[in-house]
N, C-alpha and C. Protein backbone atom coordinates (compact mmCIF):
# COMPACT_ATOMS: atom_id res chain seq x y z
N MET A 1 71.88 -29.25 -59.64
CA MET A 1 70.60 -28.89 -59.13
C MET A 1 70.78 -28.12 -57.82
N THR A 2 70.10 -26.97 -57.71
CA THR A 2 70.19 -26.14 -56.52
C THR A 2 69.07 -26.52 -55.57
N GLN A 3 69.43 -26.65 -54.31
CA GLN A 3 68.41 -26.95 -53.31
C GLN A 3 68.12 -25.70 -52.49
N TRP A 4 66.87 -25.47 -52.26
CA TRP A 4 66.44 -24.33 -51.45
C TRP A 4 66.00 -24.82 -50.09
N LYS A 5 66.45 -24.15 -49.10
CA LYS A 5 66.05 -24.48 -47.73
C LYS A 5 64.99 -23.48 -47.31
N GLN A 6 63.85 -23.95 -46.90
CA GLN A 6 62.77 -23.06 -46.49
C GLN A 6 63.04 -22.56 -45.07
N MET A 7 63.05 -21.21 -44.93
CA MET A 7 63.27 -20.59 -43.62
C MET A 7 61.90 -20.31 -43.01
N SER A 8 61.80 -20.52 -41.74
CA SER A 8 60.52 -20.24 -41.08
C SER A 8 60.35 -18.74 -40.90
N GLU A 9 59.15 -18.29 -41.04
CA GLU A 9 58.83 -16.87 -40.88
C GLU A 9 58.74 -16.54 -39.40
N PRO A 10 59.05 -15.30 -39.00
CA PRO A 10 58.88 -14.92 -37.60
C PRO A 10 57.43 -15.09 -37.17
N ALA A 11 57.23 -15.42 -35.92
CA ALA A 11 55.89 -15.66 -35.40
C ALA A 11 55.01 -14.43 -35.56
N ASP A 12 55.57 -13.25 -35.28
CA ASP A 12 54.78 -12.04 -35.35
C ASP A 12 55.66 -10.93 -35.90
N SER A 13 55.31 -10.41 -37.06
CA SER A 13 56.14 -9.38 -37.68
C SER A 13 56.12 -8.09 -36.87
N ALA A 14 55.07 -7.84 -36.10
CA ALA A 14 55.01 -6.65 -35.25
C ALA A 14 56.09 -6.71 -34.18
N ASP A 15 56.34 -7.90 -33.62
CA ASP A 15 57.41 -8.06 -32.63
C ASP A 15 58.76 -7.78 -33.25
N THR A 16 58.96 -8.23 -34.48
CA THR A 16 60.23 -8.00 -35.16
C THR A 16 60.42 -6.51 -35.42
N GLU A 17 59.38 -5.83 -35.88
CA GLU A 17 59.47 -4.40 -36.14
C GLU A 17 59.75 -3.65 -34.85
N LYS A 18 59.10 -4.05 -33.76
CA LYS A 18 59.28 -3.38 -32.48
C LYS A 18 60.72 -3.51 -32.00
N SER A 19 61.31 -4.70 -32.20
CA SER A 19 62.68 -4.91 -31.75
C SER A 19 63.67 -4.14 -32.61
N LEU A 20 63.31 -3.81 -33.85
CA LEU A 20 64.19 -3.06 -34.72
C LEU A 20 64.08 -1.56 -34.51
N LYS A 21 62.99 -1.09 -33.92
CA LYS A 21 62.81 0.33 -33.68
C LYS A 21 63.81 0.84 -32.67
N MET A 22 64.31 2.03 -32.93
CA MET A 22 65.19 2.67 -31.97
C MET A 22 64.34 3.56 -31.08
N SER A 23 64.83 3.89 -29.94
CA SER A 23 64.06 4.72 -29.03
C SER A 23 64.37 6.20 -29.26
N ALA A 24 63.58 7.04 -28.64
CA ALA A 24 63.78 8.49 -28.65
C ALA A 24 64.09 8.90 -27.21
N THR A 25 64.50 10.14 -27.03
CA THR A 25 64.87 10.63 -25.70
C THR A 25 64.10 11.91 -25.39
N LEU A 26 63.55 11.97 -24.19
CA LEU A 26 62.93 13.17 -23.67
C LEU A 26 63.90 13.75 -22.65
N LYS A 27 64.33 14.98 -22.88
CA LYS A 27 65.31 15.64 -22.00
C LYS A 27 64.64 16.82 -21.33
N LEU A 28 64.66 16.84 -20.00
CA LEU A 28 64.06 17.93 -19.22
C LEU A 28 65.13 18.59 -18.37
N LYS A 29 65.12 19.91 -18.36
CA LYS A 29 66.08 20.68 -17.56
C LYS A 29 65.29 21.62 -16.65
N HIS A 30 65.60 21.59 -15.35
CA HIS A 30 64.96 22.50 -14.38
C HIS A 30 65.93 23.64 -14.15
N LYS A 31 65.72 24.70 -14.89
CA LYS A 31 66.64 25.83 -14.86
C LYS A 31 65.86 27.12 -14.86
N SER A 32 66.29 28.07 -14.03
CA SER A 32 65.65 29.37 -13.99
C SER A 32 66.72 30.45 -14.00
N ILE A 33 66.41 31.54 -14.63
CA ILE A 33 67.31 32.69 -14.62
C ILE A 33 66.78 33.65 -13.57
N GLY A 34 67.61 33.96 -12.58
CA GLY A 34 67.17 34.83 -11.50
C GLY A 34 66.52 34.03 -10.37
N ALA A 35 65.76 34.73 -9.54
CA ALA A 35 65.12 34.11 -8.38
C ALA A 35 63.88 33.33 -8.82
N GLU A 36 63.70 32.19 -8.18
CA GLU A 36 62.52 31.36 -8.46
C GLU A 36 61.93 30.94 -7.13
N VAL A 37 60.66 31.26 -6.93
CA VAL A 37 59.98 30.91 -5.68
C VAL A 37 59.70 29.42 -5.61
N ARG A 38 59.24 28.84 -6.69
CA ARG A 38 58.88 27.41 -6.73
C ARG A 38 60.06 26.60 -7.28
N ARG A 39 61.04 26.35 -6.42
CA ARG A 39 62.25 25.68 -6.89
C ARG A 39 62.47 24.30 -6.29
N GLY A 40 61.43 23.71 -5.79
CA GLY A 40 61.54 22.36 -5.22
C GLY A 40 61.73 21.30 -6.29
N THR A 41 61.71 20.05 -5.88
CA THR A 41 61.83 18.92 -6.79
C THR A 41 60.53 18.75 -7.57
N TYR A 42 60.65 18.58 -8.88
CA TYR A 42 59.50 18.39 -9.73
C TYR A 42 59.36 16.91 -10.07
N ASP A 43 58.13 16.42 -10.01
CA ASP A 43 57.83 15.07 -10.48
C ASP A 43 57.51 15.16 -11.97
N ILE A 44 58.01 14.22 -12.74
CA ILE A 44 57.79 14.20 -14.18
C ILE A 44 56.77 13.13 -14.52
N VAL A 45 55.77 13.51 -15.28
CA VAL A 45 54.71 12.58 -15.69
C VAL A 45 54.72 12.51 -17.22
N VAL A 46 54.99 11.33 -17.76
CA VAL A 46 55.00 11.11 -19.20
C VAL A 46 53.87 10.14 -19.54
N ASP A 47 53.01 10.56 -20.43
CA ASP A 47 51.86 9.75 -20.85
C ASP A 47 51.02 9.30 -19.66
N GLY A 48 50.87 10.18 -18.67
CA GLY A 48 50.03 9.89 -17.51
C GLY A 48 50.68 9.02 -16.45
N GLN A 49 51.95 8.64 -16.63
CA GLN A 49 52.65 7.77 -15.67
C GLN A 49 53.87 8.50 -15.10
N TYR A 50 54.11 8.34 -13.79
CA TYR A 50 55.28 8.91 -13.16
C TYR A 50 56.54 8.38 -13.85
N ALA A 51 57.47 9.29 -14.21
CA ALA A 51 58.67 8.87 -14.95
C ALA A 51 59.97 9.27 -14.26
N GLY A 52 59.88 10.01 -13.15
CA GLY A 52 61.10 10.40 -12.44
C GLY A 52 60.91 11.74 -11.76
N SER A 53 61.99 12.23 -11.16
CA SER A 53 61.93 13.53 -10.50
C SER A 53 63.14 14.36 -10.93
N LEU A 54 63.01 15.67 -10.77
CA LEU A 54 64.01 16.59 -11.27
C LEU A 54 64.29 17.68 -10.24
N GLU A 55 65.54 17.76 -9.80
CA GLU A 55 65.96 18.78 -8.84
C GLU A 55 66.27 20.09 -9.56
N MET A 56 66.34 21.18 -8.81
CA MET A 56 66.71 22.49 -9.35
C MET A 56 68.10 22.41 -9.97
N ASN A 57 68.29 23.02 -11.12
CA ASN A 57 69.55 23.07 -11.87
C ASN A 57 70.04 21.70 -12.33
N ALA A 58 69.14 20.74 -12.45
CA ALA A 58 69.50 19.40 -12.91
C ALA A 58 68.84 19.13 -14.26
N THR A 59 69.33 18.09 -14.92
CA THR A 59 68.80 17.65 -16.20
C THR A 59 68.55 16.14 -16.11
N ILE A 60 67.46 15.69 -16.72
CA ILE A 60 67.15 14.26 -16.74
C ILE A 60 66.81 13.87 -18.17
N GLU A 61 67.23 12.67 -18.55
CA GLU A 61 66.88 12.13 -19.86
C GLU A 61 66.06 10.87 -19.66
N ILE A 62 64.92 10.79 -20.35
CA ILE A 62 63.99 9.67 -20.22
C ILE A 62 63.83 9.05 -21.61
N THR A 63 63.99 7.75 -21.69
CA THR A 63 63.81 7.05 -22.95
C THR A 63 62.33 6.82 -23.21
N VAL A 64 61.90 7.18 -24.42
CA VAL A 64 60.49 6.99 -24.82
C VAL A 64 60.46 6.30 -26.18
N GLU A 65 59.36 5.64 -26.46
CA GLU A 65 59.15 5.03 -27.77
C GLU A 65 58.90 6.15 -28.78
N PRO A 66 59.30 5.97 -30.04
CA PRO A 66 58.95 6.96 -31.05
C PRO A 66 57.43 7.09 -31.15
N GLY A 67 56.97 8.31 -31.38
CA GLY A 67 55.54 8.56 -31.51
C GLY A 67 55.09 9.78 -30.74
N ARG A 68 53.80 9.87 -30.52
CA ARG A 68 53.18 11.02 -29.85
C ARG A 68 53.11 10.75 -28.35
N HIS A 69 53.51 11.77 -27.55
CA HIS A 69 53.53 11.63 -26.10
C HIS A 69 53.06 12.91 -25.43
N THR A 70 52.78 12.81 -24.13
CA THR A 70 52.48 13.98 -23.32
C THR A 70 53.46 14.03 -22.16
N VAL A 71 53.75 15.24 -21.70
CA VAL A 71 54.63 15.43 -20.55
C VAL A 71 54.07 16.55 -19.68
N GLN A 72 54.24 16.38 -18.38
CA GLN A 72 53.80 17.38 -17.40
C GLN A 72 54.74 17.31 -16.22
N VAL A 73 55.00 18.44 -15.57
CA VAL A 73 55.77 18.44 -14.32
C VAL A 73 54.85 18.88 -13.20
N ARG A 74 55.09 18.31 -12.01
CA ARG A 74 54.25 18.60 -10.84
C ARG A 74 55.12 18.83 -9.62
N ASN A 75 54.60 19.65 -8.72
CA ASN A 75 55.25 19.90 -7.44
C ASN A 75 54.12 20.11 -6.43
N GLY A 76 53.73 19.04 -5.73
CA GLY A 76 52.59 19.13 -4.83
C GLY A 76 51.32 19.39 -5.62
N ARG A 77 50.57 20.42 -5.25
CA ARG A 77 49.34 20.74 -5.99
C ARG A 77 49.62 21.55 -7.24
N ASN A 78 50.82 22.10 -7.35
CA ASN A 78 51.19 22.90 -8.52
C ASN A 78 51.63 22.00 -9.66
N SER A 79 51.33 22.44 -10.88
CA SER A 79 51.73 21.66 -12.05
C SER A 79 51.89 22.58 -13.25
N SER A 80 52.39 22.01 -14.32
CA SER A 80 52.43 22.71 -15.60
C SER A 80 51.22 22.26 -16.40
N ARG A 81 50.98 22.90 -17.50
CA ARG A 81 50.00 22.41 -18.45
C ARG A 81 50.58 21.15 -19.08
N THR A 82 49.76 20.27 -19.55
CA THR A 82 50.24 19.07 -20.24
C THR A 82 50.66 19.47 -21.65
N GLU A 83 51.90 19.15 -21.99
CA GLU A 83 52.44 19.45 -23.32
C GLU A 83 52.47 18.17 -24.15
N THR A 84 52.12 18.27 -25.40
CA THR A 84 52.15 17.14 -26.32
C THR A 84 53.34 17.31 -27.25
N PHE A 85 54.02 16.20 -27.54
CA PHE A 85 55.16 16.26 -28.47
C PHE A 85 55.24 14.97 -29.26
N ASN A 86 55.85 15.05 -30.43
CA ASN A 86 56.12 13.89 -31.27
C ASN A 86 57.61 13.63 -31.22
N ALA A 87 57.99 12.37 -31.05
CA ALA A 87 59.39 11.99 -31.00
C ALA A 87 59.66 10.98 -32.11
N ALA A 88 60.63 11.27 -32.94
CA ALA A 88 61.04 10.35 -34.00
C ALA A 88 62.16 9.45 -33.47
N GLU A 89 62.43 8.37 -34.19
CA GLU A 89 63.50 7.46 -33.79
C GLU A 89 64.82 8.22 -33.67
N SER A 90 65.55 7.96 -32.61
CA SER A 90 66.86 8.56 -32.32
C SER A 90 66.81 10.07 -32.08
N GLU A 91 65.63 10.66 -31.95
CA GLU A 91 65.49 12.10 -31.73
C GLU A 91 65.52 12.41 -30.24
N THR A 92 66.09 13.56 -29.89
CA THR A 92 66.03 14.06 -28.52
C THR A 92 65.10 15.26 -28.50
N VAL A 93 64.04 15.18 -27.69
CA VAL A 93 63.08 16.26 -27.53
C VAL A 93 63.37 16.90 -26.18
N ALA A 94 63.65 18.21 -26.19
CA ALA A 94 64.09 18.90 -24.97
C ALA A 94 63.07 19.93 -24.51
N PHE A 95 62.89 19.99 -23.18
CA PHE A 95 62.04 20.99 -22.54
C PHE A 95 62.81 21.60 -21.37
N ARG A 96 62.54 22.87 -21.09
CA ARG A 96 63.04 23.52 -19.88
C ARG A 96 61.84 23.78 -19.00
N CYS A 97 61.95 23.47 -17.71
CA CYS A 97 60.83 23.72 -16.80
C CYS A 97 61.26 24.68 -15.71
N THR A 98 60.32 25.51 -15.31
CA THR A 98 60.59 26.52 -14.30
C THR A 98 59.31 26.86 -13.54
N GLY A 99 59.49 27.38 -12.34
CA GLY A 99 58.37 27.86 -11.55
C GLY A 99 58.29 29.37 -11.56
N LYS A 100 59.18 30.00 -12.30
CA LYS A 100 59.21 31.46 -12.37
C LYS A 100 58.16 31.94 -13.36
N ARG A 101 57.24 32.80 -12.89
CA ARG A 101 56.15 33.30 -13.74
C ARG A 101 56.01 34.81 -13.54
N PHE A 102 55.40 35.49 -14.52
CA PHE A 102 55.08 36.90 -14.35
C PHE A 102 54.10 37.05 -13.20
N LEU A 103 54.16 38.18 -12.51
CA LEU A 103 53.35 38.37 -11.30
C LEU A 103 51.86 38.07 -11.49
N PRO A 104 51.19 38.55 -12.54
CA PRO A 104 49.76 38.22 -12.68
C PRO A 104 49.51 36.71 -12.80
N ILE A 105 50.36 36.00 -13.55
CA ILE A 105 50.20 34.55 -13.70
C ILE A 105 50.55 33.85 -12.39
N PHE A 106 51.58 34.33 -11.71
CA PHE A 106 51.96 33.78 -10.41
C PHE A 106 50.78 33.86 -9.44
N LEU A 107 50.12 35.02 -9.37
CA LEU A 107 48.98 35.19 -8.47
C LEU A 107 47.79 34.32 -8.90
N ALA A 108 47.54 34.22 -10.21
CA ALA A 108 46.44 33.39 -10.71
C ALA A 108 46.68 31.91 -10.42
N SER A 109 47.95 31.51 -10.30
CA SER A 109 48.26 30.10 -10.07
C SER A 109 47.81 29.60 -8.69
N PHE A 110 47.50 30.51 -7.78
CA PHE A 110 46.96 30.09 -6.48
C PHE A 110 45.52 29.59 -6.62
N ILE A 111 44.84 30.05 -7.67
CA ILE A 111 43.48 29.61 -7.96
C ILE A 111 43.49 28.49 -9.00
N VAL A 112 44.37 28.59 -9.99
CA VAL A 112 44.50 27.59 -11.06
C VAL A 112 45.91 27.00 -10.97
N PRO A 113 46.09 25.92 -10.20
CA PRO A 113 47.43 25.37 -9.97
C PRO A 113 48.19 24.92 -11.22
N SER A 114 47.49 24.68 -12.32
CA SER A 114 48.18 24.26 -13.55
C SER A 114 48.92 25.42 -14.23
N LEU A 115 48.80 26.63 -13.67
CA LEU A 115 49.55 27.78 -14.18
C LEU A 115 50.87 27.98 -13.42
N ALA A 116 51.08 27.23 -12.35
CA ALA A 116 52.22 27.47 -11.46
C ALA A 116 53.57 27.16 -12.09
N LEU A 117 53.66 26.09 -12.85
CA LEU A 117 54.93 25.67 -13.44
C LEU A 117 54.83 25.79 -14.96
N LYS A 118 55.97 26.00 -15.60
CA LYS A 118 55.97 26.20 -17.04
C LYS A 118 56.96 25.26 -17.72
N LEU A 119 56.50 24.62 -18.79
CA LEU A 119 57.35 23.79 -19.66
C LEU A 119 57.53 24.54 -20.97
N THR A 120 58.77 24.72 -21.40
CA THR A 120 59.06 25.40 -22.65
C THR A 120 59.88 24.47 -23.53
N ARG A 121 59.41 24.24 -24.75
CA ARG A 121 60.14 23.38 -25.68
C ARG A 121 61.40 24.09 -26.13
N GLN A 122 62.50 23.40 -26.11
CA GLN A 122 63.79 23.97 -26.52
C GLN A 122 64.09 23.68 -27.95
């Protein structure tokens, strides 16, 4: 006769799934080709929360949960537009940020500060 031992179920299957999920990576690089007027340290905002800072010619990697996220870089009153991205498990999502803009956009950024910095998906 075979005996079966009853195993208790996890308290919350959502907690178990969450612990099994792998994270994704957001990689930001502050790099410009040529001269850049706005080359100070950029603050990184992910999903509306401060996530770190980025110096000129540096790269930062930020761990994020898989799913839909927003990212923005700021430098004082200047900022980039908010970019939306989807990150899958174990995926690295890369952006390059710069303060170098074409002259008309550079001049317009004094009136509309969200035009001052640019995030480009790599």
